[in-house]
All heavy atoms as atom14 arrays in JSON, in Angstrom:
{
  "sequence": "PAGVVHAPLGEGTLNLVTDCQRMTSVAGKDIKFTVTSPYMLARTLLD",
  "atom14_mask": [
    [1, 1, 1, 1, 1, 1, 1, 0, 0, 0, 0, 0, 0, 0],
    [1, 1, 1, 1, 1, 0, 0, 0, 0, 0, 0, 0, 0, 0],
    [1, 1, 1, 1, 0, 0, 0, 0, 0, 0, 0, 0, 0, 0],
    [1, 1, 1, 1, 1, 1, 1, 0, 0, 0, 0, 0, 0, 0],
    [1, 1, 1, 1, 1, 1, 1, 0, 0, 0, 0, 0, 0, 0],
    [1, 1, 1, 1, 1, 1, 1, 1, 1, 1, 0, 0, 0, 0],
    [1, 1, 1, 1, 1, 0, 0, 0, 0, 0, 0, 0, 0, 0],
    [1, 1, 1, 1, 1, 1, 1, 0, 0, 0, 0, 0, 0, 0],
    [1, 1, 1, 1, 1, 1, 1, 1, 0, 0, 0, 0, 0, 0],
    [1, 1, 1, 1, 0, 0, 0, 0, 0, 0, 0, 0, 0, 0],
    [1, 1, 1, 1, 1, 1, 1, 1, 1, 0, 0, 0, 0, 0],
    [1, 1, 1, 1, 0, 0, 0, 0, 0, 0, 0, 0, 0, 0],
    [1, 1, 1, 1, 1, 1, 1, 0, 0, 0, 0, 0, 0, 0],
    [1, 1, 1, 1, 1, 1, 1, 1, 0, 0, 0, 0, 0, 0],
    [1, 1, 1, 1, 1, 1, 1, 1, 0, 0, 0, 0, 0, 0],
    [1, 1, 1, 1, 1, 1, 1, 1, 0, 0, 0, 0, 0, 0],
    [1, 1, 1, 1, 1, 1, 1, 0, 0, 0, 0, 0, 0, 0],
    [1, 1, 1, 1, 1, 1, 1, 0, 0, 0, 0, 0, 0, 0],
    [1, 1, 1, 1, 1, 1, 1, 1, 0, 0, 0, 0, 0, 0],
    [1, 1, 1, 1, 1, 1, 0, 0, 0, 0, 0, 0, 0, 0],
    [1, 1, 1, 1, 1, 1, 1, 1, 1, 0, 0, 0, 0, 0],
    [1, 1, 1, 1, 1, 1, 1, 1, 1, 1, 1, 0, 0, 0],
    [1, 1, 1, 1, 1, 1, 1, 1, 0, 0, 0, 0, 0, 0],
    [1, 1, 1, 1, 1, 1, 1, 0, 0, 0, 0, 0, 0, 0],
    [1, 1, 1, 1, 1, 1, 0, 0, 0, 0, 0, 0, 0, 0],
    [1, 1, 1, 1, 1, 1, 1, 0, 0, 0, 0, 0, 0, 0],
    [1, 1, 1, 1, 1, 0, 0, 0, 0, 0, 0, 0, 0, 0],
    [1, 1, 1, 1, 0, 0, 0, 0, 0, 0, 0, 0, 0, 0],
    [1, 1, 1, 1, 1, 1, 1, 1, 1, 0, 0, 0, 0, 0],
    [1, 1, 1, 1, 1, 1, 1, 1, 0, 0, 0, 0, 0, 0],
    [1, 1, 1, 1, 1, 1, 1, 1, 0, 0, 0, 0, 0, 0],
    [1, 1, 1, 1, 1, 1, 1, 1, 1, 0, 0, 0, 0, 0],
    [1, 1, 1, 1, 1, 1, 1, 1, 1, 1, 1, 0, 0, 0],
    [1, 1, 1, 1, 1, 1, 1, 0, 0, 0, 0, 0, 0, 0],
    [1, 1, 1, 1, 1, 1, 1, 0, 0, 0, 0, 0, 0, 0],
    [1, 1, 1, 1, 1, 1, 1, 0, 0, 0, 0, 0, 0, 0],
    [1, 1, 1, 1, 1, 1, 0, 0, 0, 0, 0, 0, 0, 0],
    [1, 1, 1, 1, 1, 1, 1, 0, 0, 0, 0, 0, 0, 0],
    [1, 1, 1, 1, 1, 1, 1, 1, 1, 1, 1, 1, 0, 0],
    [1, 1, 1, 1, 1, 1, 1, 1, 0, 0, 0, 0, 0, 0],
    [1, 1, 1, 1, 1, 1, 1, 1, 0, 0, 0, 0, 0, 0],
    [1, 1, 1, 1, 1, 0, 0, 0, 0, 0, 0, 0, 0, 0],
    [1, 1, 1, 1, 1, 1, 1, 1, 1, 1, 1, 0, 0, 0],
    [1, 1, 1, 1, 1, 1, 1, 0, 0, 0, 0, 0, 0, 0],
    [1, 1, 1, 1, 1, 1, 1, 1, 0, 0, 0, 0, 0, 0],
    [1, 1, 1, 1, 1, 1, 1, 1, 0, 0, 0, 0, 0, 0],
    [1, 1, 1, 1, 1, 1, 1, 1, 0, 0, 0, 0, 0, 0]
  ],
  "atom14_positions": [
    [[-12.01, -22.04, -1.68], [-11.37, -20.8, -2.14], [-10.68, -20.09, -0.99], [-11.12, -20.16, 0.17], [-12.54, -19.98, -2.69], [-13.74, -20.47, -1.93], [-13.49, -21.94, -1.71], [0.0, 0.0, 0.0], [0.0, 0.0, 0.0], [0.0, 0.0, 0.0], [0.0, 0.0, 0.0], [0.0, 0.0, 0.0], [0.0, 0.0, 0.0], [0.0, 0.0, 0.0]],
    [[-9.62, -19.37, -1.31], [-8.93, -18.59, -0.27], [-9.76, -17.39, 0.15], [-9.58, -16.85, 1.23], [-7.57, -18.12, -0.79], [0.0, 0.0, 0.0], [0.0, 0.0, 0.0], [0.0, 0.0, 0.0], [0.0, 0.0, 0.0], [0.0, 0.0, 0.0], [0.0, 0.0, 0.0], [0.0, 0.0, 0.0], [0.0, 0.0, 0.0], [0.0, 0.0, 0.0]],
    [[-10.7, -16.99, -0.71], [-11.57, -15.88, -0.4], [-12.55, -15.63, -1.53], [-12.41, -16.19, -2.62], [0.0, 0.0, 0.0], [0.0, 0.0, 0.0], [0.0, 0.0, 0.0], [0.0, 0.0, 0.0], [0.0, 0.0, 0.0], [0.0, 0.0, 0.0], [0.0, 0.0, 0.0], [0.0, 0.0, 0.0], [0.0, 0.0, 0.0], [0.0, 0.0, 0.0]],
    [[-13.55, -14.81, -1.26], [-14.56, -14.45, -2.26], [-14.42, -12.96, -2.55], [-14.49, -12.12, -1.64], [-15.98, -14.76, -1.74], [-17.02, -14.36, -2.78], [-16.11, -16.24, -1.39], [0.0, 0.0, 0.0], [0.0, 0.0, 0.0], [0.0, 0.0, 0.0], [0.0, 0.0, 0.0], [0.0, 0.0, 0.0], [0.0, 0.0, 0.0], [0.0, 0.0, 0.0]],
    [[-14.22, -12.62, -3.81], [-14.08, -11.22, -4.21], [-15.47, -10.63, -4.39], [-16.24, -11.08, -5.24], [-13.27, -11.1, -5.52], [-13.09, -9.63, -5.9], [-11.92, -11.79, -5.39], [0.0, 0.0, 0.0], [0.0, 0.0, 0.0], [0.0, 0.0, 0.0], [0.0, 0.0, 0.0], [0.0, 0.0, 0.0], [0.0, 0.0, 0.0], [0.0, 0.0, 0.0]],
    [[-15.8, -9.61, -3.59], [-17.14, -9.03, -3.64], [-17.13, -7.54, -3.93], [-18.18, -6.9, -4.05], [-17.87, -9.28, -2.31], [-17.19, -8.67, -1.12], [-17.35, -7.35, -0.76], [-16.31, -9.2, -0.23], [-16.61, -7.08, 0.31], [-15.97, -8.19, 0.66], [0.0, 0.0, 0.0], [0.0, 0.0, 0.0], [0.0, 0.0, 0.0], [0.0, 0.0, 0.0]],
    [[-15.92, -6.94, -4.06], [-15.79, -5.5, -4.3], [-14.41, -5.23, -4.9], [-13.57, -6.14, -4.95], [-15.97, -4.72, -2.99], [0.0, 0.0, 0.0], [0.0, 0.0, 0.0], [0.0, 0.0, 0.0], [0.0, 0.0, 0.0], [0.0, 0.0, 0.0], [0.0, 0.0, 0.0], [0.0, 0.0, 0.0], [0.0, 0.0, 0.0], [0.0, 0.0, 0.0]],
    [[-14.15, -4.01, -5.39], [-12.83, -3.71, -5.93], [-11.72, -4.0, -4.92], [-11.86, -3.73, -3.74], [-12.91, -2.2, -6.23], [-14.36, -1.93, -6.44], [-15.08, -2.86, -5.5], [0.0, 0.0, 0.0], [0.0, 0.0, 0.0], [0.0, 0.0, 0.0], [0.0, 0.0, 0.0], [0.0, 0.0, 0.0], [0.0, 0.0, 0.0], [0.0, 0.0, 0.0]],
    [[-10.64, -4.57, -5.42], [-9.54, -4.94, -4.52], [-8.73, -3.72, -4.09], [-8.49, -2.81, -4.88], [-8.62, -5.94, -5.22], [-9.22, -7.29, -5.59], [-8.18, -8.18, -6.25], [-9.8, -7.98, -4.36], [0.0, 0.0, 0.0], [0.0, 0.0, 0.0], [0.0, 0.0, 0.0], [0.0, 0.0, 0.0], [0.0, 0.0, 0.0], [0.0, 0.0, 0.0]],
    [[-8.32, -3.75, -2.84], [-7.43, -2.72, -2.29], [-6.44, -3.38, -1.37], [-6.62, -4.54, -0.97], [0.0, 0.0, 0.0], [0.0, 0.0, 0.0], [0.0, 0.0, 0.0], [0.0, 0.0, 0.0], [0.0, 0.0, 0.0], [0.0, 0.0, 0.0], [0.0, 0.0, 0.0], [0.0, 0.0, 0.0], [0.0, 0.0, 0.0], [0.0, 0.0, 0.0]],
    [[-5.39, -2.64, -0.97], [-4.35, -3.25, -0.16], [-4.79, -3.63, 1.24], [-4.19, -4.49, 1.87], [-3.14, -2.33, -0.09], [-3.34, -1.07, 0.71], [-2.06, -0.26, 0.84], [-1.18, -0.35, -0.03], [-1.95, 0.47, 1.84], [0.0, 0.0, 0.0], [0.0, 0.0, 0.0], [0.0, 0.0, 0.0], [0.0, 0.0, 0.0], [0.0, 0.0, 0.0]],
    [[-5.86, -2.98, 1.74], [-6.33, -3.31, 3.08], [-5.22, -3.18, 4.1], [-4.54, -2.15, 4.17], [0.0, 0.0, 0.0], [0.0, 0.0, 0.0], [0.0, 0.0, 0.0], [0.0, 0.0, 0.0], [0.0, 0.0, 0.0], [0.0, 0.0, 0.0], [0.0, 0.0, 0.0], [0.0, 0.0, 0.0], [0.0, 0.0, 0.0], [0.0, 0.0, 0.0]],
    [[-4.99, -4.26, 4.86], [-3.94, -4.24, 5.88], [-2.67, -4.98, 5.44], [-1.76, -5.18, 6.26], [-4.45, -4.85, 7.2], [-4.88, -6.2, 6.97], [-5.6, -4.04, 7.78], [0.0, 0.0, 0.0], [0.0, 0.0, 0.0], [0.0, 0.0, 0.0], [0.0, 0.0, 0.0], [0.0, 0.0, 0.0], [0.0, 0.0, 0.0], [0.0, 0.0, 0.0]],
    [[-2.6, -5.39, 4.18], [-1.37, -6.01, 3.68], [-0.24, -4.99, 3.77], [-0.39, -3.85, 3.32], [-1.54, -6.46, 2.23], [-0.33, -7.14, 1.59], [-0.05, -8.49, 2.25], [-0.53, -7.32, 0.09], [0.0, 0.0, 0.0], [0.0, 0.0, 0.0], [0.0, 0.0, 0.0], [0.0, 0.0, 0.0], [0.0, 0.0, 0.0], [0.0, 0.0, 0.0]],
    [[0.89, -5.4, 4.34], [1.98, -4.45, 4.55], [3.31, -5.12, 4.26], [4.06, -5.51, 5.17], [1.94, -3.92, 5.99], [2.81, -2.7, 6.18], [3.73, -2.46, 5.41], [2.52, -1.92, 7.2], [0.0, 0.0, 0.0], [0.0, 0.0, 0.0], [0.0, 0.0, 0.0], [0.0, 0.0, 0.0], [0.0, 0.0, 0.0], [0.0, 0.0, 0.0]],
    [[3.62, -5.28, 2.98], [4.89, -5.87, 2.57], [6.07, -5.0, 2.98], [7.15, -5.51, 3.29], [4.91, -6.07, 1.06], [3.78, -6.91, 0.44], [3.95, -6.97, -1.07], [3.76, -8.31, 1.03], [0.0, 0.0, 0.0], [0.0, 0.0, 0.0], [0.0, 0.0, 0.0], [0.0, 0.0, 0.0], [0.0, 0.0, 0.0], [0.0, 0.0, 0.0]],
    [[5.86, -3.69, 2.99], [6.95, -2.77, 3.28], [7.48, -2.98, 4.7], [8.69, -3.04, 4.92], [6.48, -1.31, 3.07], [7.61, -0.35, 3.44], [6.05, -1.1, 1.62], [0.0, 0.0, 0.0], [0.0, 0.0, 0.0], [0.0, 0.0, 0.0], [0.0, 0.0, 0.0], [0.0, 0.0, 0.0], [0.0, 0.0, 0.0], [0.0, 0.0, 0.0]],
    [[6.57, -3.12, 5.66], [7.0, -3.33, 7.04], [7.71, -4.67, 7.2], [8.72, -4.78, 7.91], [5.79, -3.26, 7.99], [5.29, -1.93, 8.0], [6.19, -3.65, 9.41], [0.0, 0.0, 0.0], [0.0, 0.0, 0.0], [0.0, 0.0, 0.0], [0.0, 0.0, 0.0], [0.0, 0.0, 0.0], [0.0, 0.0, 0.0], [0.0, 0.0, 0.0]],
    [[7.21, -5.71, 6.54], [7.86, -7.02, 6.64], [9.24, -6.99, 6.0], [10.17, -7.65, 6.48], [6.98, -8.1, 5.99], [5.79, -8.44, 6.86], [5.9, -8.35, 8.09], [4.73, -8.79, 6.31], [0.0, 0.0, 0.0], [0.0, 0.0, 0.0], [0.0, 0.0, 0.0], [0.0, 0.0, 0.0], [0.0, 0.0, 0.0], [0.0, 0.0, 0.0]],
    [[9.38, -6.23, 4.93], [10.7, -6.09, 4.31], [11.63, -5.29, 5.22], [12.82, -5.62, 5.37], [10.56, -5.41, 2.95], [12.12, -5.26, 2.04], [0.0, 0.0, 0.0], [0.0, 0.0, 0.0], [0.0, 0.0, 0.0], [0.0, 0.0, 0.0], [0.0, 0.0, 0.0], [0.0, 0.0, 0.0], [0.0, 0.0, 0.0], [0.0, 0.0, 0.0]],
    [[11.11, -4.24, 5.84], [11.93, -3.43, 6.75], [12.4, -4.24, 7.95], [13.51, -4.03, 8.44], [11.13, -2.2, 7.21], [10.94, -1.15, 6.13], [10.01, -0.04, 6.55], [9.22, -0.18, 7.49], [10.07, 1.07, 5.84], [0.0, 0.0, 0.0], [0.0, 0.0, 0.0], [0.0, 0.0, 0.0], [0.0, 0.0, 0.0], [0.0, 0.0, 0.0]],
    [[11.56, -5.14, 8.46], [11.99, -6.01, 9.55], [13.22, -6.81, 9.12], [14.18, -6.97, 9.86], [10.87, -6.96, 9.97], [11.26, -7.87, 11.13], [10.3, -9.02, 11.34], [8.95, -8.57, 11.61], [7.93, -8.69, 10.76], [8.14, -9.25, 9.56], [6.74, -8.27, 11.07], [0.0, 0.0, 0.0], [0.0, 0.0, 0.0], [0.0, 0.0, 0.0]],
    [[13.15, -7.34, 7.89], [14.25, -8.13, 7.34], [15.52, -7.3, 7.2], [16.6, -7.7, 7.67], [13.83, -8.67, 5.98], [14.9, -9.38, 5.18], [14.29, -9.92, 3.56], [14.29, -8.35, 2.65], [0.0, 0.0, 0.0], [0.0, 0.0, 0.0], [0.0, 0.0, 0.0], [0.0, 0.0, 0.0], [0.0, 0.0, 0.0], [0.0, 0.0, 0.0]],
    [[15.43, -6.14, 6.59], [16.63, -5.33, 6.35], [17.19, -4.73, 7.63], [18.38, -4.45, 7.72], [16.34, -4.22, 5.33], [15.28, -3.38, 5.8], [15.96, -4.81, 3.98], [0.0, 0.0, 0.0], [0.0, 0.0, 0.0], [0.0, 0.0, 0.0], [0.0, 0.0, 0.0], [0.0, 0.0, 0.0], [0.0, 0.0, 0.0], [0.0, 0.0, 0.0]],
    [[16.33, -4.56, 8.65], [16.81, -3.98, 9.91], [17.79, -4.91, 10.62], [18.65, -4.45, 11.38], [15.64, -3.66, 10.83], [15.02, -4.85, 11.33], [0.0, 0.0, 0.0], [0.0, 0.0, 0.0], [0.0, 0.0, 0.0], [0.0, 0.0, 0.0], [0.0, 0.0, 0.0], [0.0, 0.0, 0.0], [0.0, 0.0, 0.0], [0.0, 0.0, 0.0]],
    [[17.66, -6.21, 10.38], [18.57, -7.16, 11.04], [19.58, -7.77, 10.07], [20.55, -8.39, 10.5], [17.78, -8.3, 11.73], [16.84, -7.74, 12.78], [17.02, -9.16, 10.73], [0.0, 0.0, 0.0], [0.0, 0.0, 0.0], [0.0, 0.0, 0.0], [0.0, 0.0, 0.0], [0.0, 0.0, 0.0], [0.0, 0.0, 0.0], [0.0, 0.0, 0.0]],
    [[19.36, -7.61, 8.76], [20.21, -8.29, 7.79], [20.86, -7.37, 6.78], [21.66, -7.81, 5.96], [19.38, -9.35, 7.05], [0.0, 0.0, 0.0], [0.0, 0.0, 0.0], [0.0, 0.0, 0.0], [0.0, 0.0, 0.0], [0.0, 0.0, 0.0], [0.0, 0.0, 0.0], [0.0, 0.0, 0.0], [0.0, 0.0, 0.0], [0.0, 0.0, 0.0]],
    [[20.5, -6.08, 6.79], [21.01, -5.18, 5.76], [20.19, -5.32, 4.49], [19.27, -6.13, 4.4], [0.0, 0.0, 0.0], [0.0, 0.0, 0.0], [0.0, 0.0, 0.0], [0.0, 0.0, 0.0], [0.0, 0.0, 0.0], [0.0, 0.0, 0.0], [0.0, 0.0, 0.0], [0.0, 0.0, 0.0], [0.0, 0.0, 0.0], [0.0, 0.0, 0.0]],
    [[20.53, -4.54, 3.49], [19.72, -4.48, 2.27], [20.13, -5.51, 1.21], [19.41, -5.71, 0.23], [19.78, -3.08, 1.67], [19.18, -2.02, 2.59], [19.27, -0.63, 1.99], [18.69, 0.4, 2.95], [18.76, 1.78, 2.39], [0.0, 0.0, 0.0], [0.0, 0.0, 0.0], [0.0, 0.0, 0.0], [0.0, 0.0, 0.0], [0.0, 0.0, 0.0]],
    [[21.28, -6.17, 1.39], [21.74, -7.14, 0.4], [21.06, -8.48, 0.65], [21.69, -9.46, 1.05], [23.26, -7.27, 0.49], [23.84, -8.07, -0.67], [23.13, -8.23, -1.69], [24.98, -8.55, -0.56], [0.0, 0.0, 0.0], [0.0, 0.0, 0.0], [0.0, 0.0, 0.0], [0.0, 0.0, 0.0], [0.0, 0.0, 0.0], [0.0, 0.0, 0.0]],
    [[19.77, -8.5, 0.4], [18.96, -9.67, 0.73], [17.75, -9.71, -0.19], [17.4, -8.72, -0.84], [18.54, -9.63, 2.22], [18.0, -10.98, 2.7], [17.6, -8.48, 2.49], [17.88, -11.08, 4.21], [0.0, 0.0, 0.0], [0.0, 0.0, 0.0], [0.0, 0.0, 0.0], [0.0, 0.0, 0.0], [0.0, 0.0, 0.0], [0.0, 0.0, 0.0]],
    [[17.1, -10.87, -0.28], [15.98, -11.07, -1.21], [14.65, -11.15, -0.46], [14.55, -11.81, 0.57], [16.21, -12.36, -2.01], [15.1, -12.73, -2.96], [15.52, -13.83, -3.93], [15.8, -15.15, -3.25], [16.14, -16.22, -4.21], [0.0, 0.0, 0.0], [0.0, 0.0, 0.0], [0.0, 0.0, 0.0], [0.0, 0.0, 0.0], [0.0, 0.0, 0.0]],
    [[13.64, -10.46, -1.01], [12.29, -10.51, -0.46], [11.38, -11.19, -1.49], [11.53, -10.98, -2.69], [11.79, -9.09, -0.18], [10.49, -9.04, 0.59], [10.47, -9.27, 1.96], [9.29, -8.75, -0.05], [9.29, -9.22, 2.68], [8.1, -8.68, 0.67], [8.1, -8.92, 2.04], [0.0, 0.0, 0.0], [0.0, 0.0, 0.0], [0.0, 0.0, 0.0]],
    [[10.44, -12.0, -1.0], [9.62, -12.81, -1.92], [8.14, -12.46, -1.82], [7.63, -12.17, -0.73], [9.8, -14.31, -1.62], [9.39, -14.58, -0.27], [11.26, -14.73, -1.78], [0.0, 0.0, 0.0], [0.0, 0.0, 0.0], [0.0, 0.0, 0.0], [0.0, 0.0, 0.0], [0.0, 0.0, 0.0], [0.0, 0.0, 0.0], [0.0, 0.0, 0.0]],
    [[7.46, -12.5, -2.96], [6.01, -12.33, -3.0], [5.42, -13.38, -3.93], [6.06, -13.81, -4.89], [5.6, -10.91, -3.5], [6.15, -9.84, -2.59], [6.07, -10.69, -4.93], [0.0, 0.0, 0.0], [0.0, 0.0, 0.0], [0.0, 0.0, 0.0], [0.0, 0.0, 0.0], [0.0, 0.0, 0.0], [0.0, 0.0, 0.0], [0.0, 0.0, 0.0]],
    [[4.19, -13.78, -3.64], [3.51, -14.75, -4.49], [2.97, -14.07, -5.74], [2.47, -12.95, -5.69], [2.36, -15.43, -3.72], [2.91, -16.06, -2.55], [1.67, -16.48, -4.57], [0.0, 0.0, 0.0], [0.0, 0.0, 0.0], [0.0, 0.0, 0.0], [0.0, 0.0, 0.0], [0.0, 0.0, 0.0], [0.0, 0.0, 0.0], [0.0, 0.0, 0.0]],
    [[3.05, -14.76, -6.84], [2.59, -14.24, -8.13], [1.1, -13.91, -8.1], [0.3, -14.65, -7.53], [2.85, -15.28, -9.21], [1.92, -15.21, -10.26], [0.0, 0.0, 0.0], [0.0, 0.0, 0.0], [0.0, 0.0, 0.0], [0.0, 0.0, 0.0], [0.0, 0.0, 0.0], [0.0, 0.0, 0.0], [0.0, 0.0, 0.0], [0.0, 0.0, 0.0]],
    [[0.69, -12.8, -8.74], [-0.74, -12.48, -8.81], [-1.54, -13.56, -9.53], [-2.71, -13.78, -9.21], [-0.78, -11.15, -9.57], [0.53, -11.05, -10.27], [1.51, -11.78, -9.4], [0.0, 0.0, 0.0], [0.0, 0.0, 0.0], [0.0, 0.0, 0.0], [0.0, 0.0, 0.0], [0.0, 0.0, 0.0], [0.0, 0.0, 0.0], [0.0, 0.0, 0.0]],
    [[-0.92, -14.27, -10.47], [-1.63, -15.34, -11.17], [-1.99, -16.46, -10.21], [-3.13, -16.94, -10.2], [-0.79, -15.89, -12.33], [-1.46, -17.05, -13.04], [-2.47, -16.84, -13.97], [-1.09, -18.36, -12.76], [-3.09, -17.91, -14.61], [-1.71, -19.43, -13.39], [-2.71, -19.2, -14.31], [-3.34, -20.25, -14.93], [0.0, 0.0, 0.0], [0.0, 0.0, 0.0]],
    [[-1.05, -16.88, -9.42], [-1.32, -17.96, -8.47], [-2.36, -17.55, -7.45], [-3.25, -18.34, -7.09], [-0.03, -18.39, -7.77], [-0.2, -19.62, -6.89], [1.37, -20.29, -6.36], [0.8, -21.74, -5.45], [0.0, 0.0, 0.0], [0.0, 0.0, 0.0], [0.0, 0.0, 0.0], [0.0, 0.0, 0.0], [0.0, 0.0, 0.0], [0.0, 0.0, 0.0]],
    [[-2.29, -16.3, -6.99], [-3.29, -15.82, -6.04], [-4.68, -15.79, -6.66], [-5.66, -16.21, -6.04], [-2.91, -14.42, -5.55], [-1.62, -14.31, -4.73], [-1.3, -12.85, -4.44], [-1.72, -15.1, -3.43], [0.0, 0.0, 0.0], [0.0, 0.0, 0.0], [0.0, 0.0, 0.0], [0.0, 0.0, 0.0], [0.0, 0.0, 0.0], [0.0, 0.0, 0.0]],
    [[-4.77, -15.31, -7.89], [-6.07, -15.19, -8.56], [-6.74, -16.54, -8.74], [-7.97, -16.66, -8.67], [-5.91, -14.5, -9.91], [0.0, 0.0, 0.0], [0.0, 0.0, 0.0], [0.0, 0.0, 0.0], [0.0, 0.0, 0.0], [0.0, 0.0, 0.0], [0.0, 0.0, 0.0], [0.0, 0.0, 0.0], [0.0, 0.0, 0.0], [0.0, 0.0, 0.0]],
    [[-5.94, -17.57, -8.97], [-6.5, -18.9, -9.2], [-7.14, -19.5, -7.94], [-7.9, -20.45, -8.04], [-5.4, -19.85, -9.69], [-4.8, -19.47, -11.02], [-5.41, -20.19, -12.17], [-5.28, -21.63, -12.03], [-5.83, -22.51, -12.86], [-6.56, -22.09, -13.87], [-5.68, -23.81, -12.67], [0.0, 0.0, 0.0], [0.0, 0.0, 0.0], [0.0, 0.0, 0.0]],
    [[-6.86, -18.91, -6.79], [-7.44, -19.44, -5.54], [-8.72, -18.73, -5.14], [-9.32, -19.07, -4.13], [-6.43, -19.31, -4.38], [-6.28, -17.93, -4.02], [-5.08, -19.91, -4.74], [0.0, 0.0, 0.0], [0.0, 0.0, 0.0], [0.0, 0.0, 0.0], [0.0, 0.0, 0.0], [0.0, 0.0, 0.0], [0.0, 0.0, 0.0], [0.0, 0.0, 0.0]],
    [[-9.14, -17.73, -5.92], [-10.27, -16.89, -5.53], [-11.55, -17.23, -6.26], [-11.53, -17.66, -7.43], [-9.93, -15.41, -5.79], [-8.78, -14.83, -4.96], [-8.42, -13.45, -5.47], [-9.13, -14.81, -3.49], [0.0, 0.0, 0.0], [0.0, 0.0, 0.0], [0.0, 0.0, 0.0], [0.0, 0.0, 0.0], [0.0, 0.0, 0.0], [0.0, 0.0, 0.0]],
    [[-12.67, -17.0, -5.58], [-13.99, -17.07, -6.19], [-14.4, -15.63, -6.47], [-14.64, -14.84, -5.55], [-14.98, -17.75, -5.25], [-16.42, -17.87, -5.76], [-16.5, -18.69, -7.03], [-17.31, -18.49, -4.67], [0.0, 0.0, 0.0], [0.0, 0.0, 0.0], [0.0, 0.0, 0.0], [0.0, 0.0, 0.0], [0.0, 0.0, 0.0], [0.0, 0.0, 0.0]],
    [[-14.48, -15.26, -7.75], [-14.72, -13.87, -8.14], [-16.21, -13.61, -8.34], [-16.83, -14.18, -9.24], [-13.96, -13.57, -9.43], [-14.23, -12.16, -9.94], [-14.58, -11.29, -9.13], [-14.09, -11.96, -11.17], [0.0, 0.0, 0.0], [0.0, 0.0, 0.0], [0.0, 0.0, 0.0], [0.0, 0.0, 0.0], [0.0, 0.0, 0.0], [0.0, 0.0, 0.0]]
  ]
}
């Protein structure tokens, strides 16, 4: 498993906003940002 869920989920240190800002700072806003589907992520977890 990618991880074991033992408590309510929270964002923790995940920071998509900063990673997107890095991208737009060098490329402008006319660009695509990608995230993995919650379904695919959930299938890798031991709940």
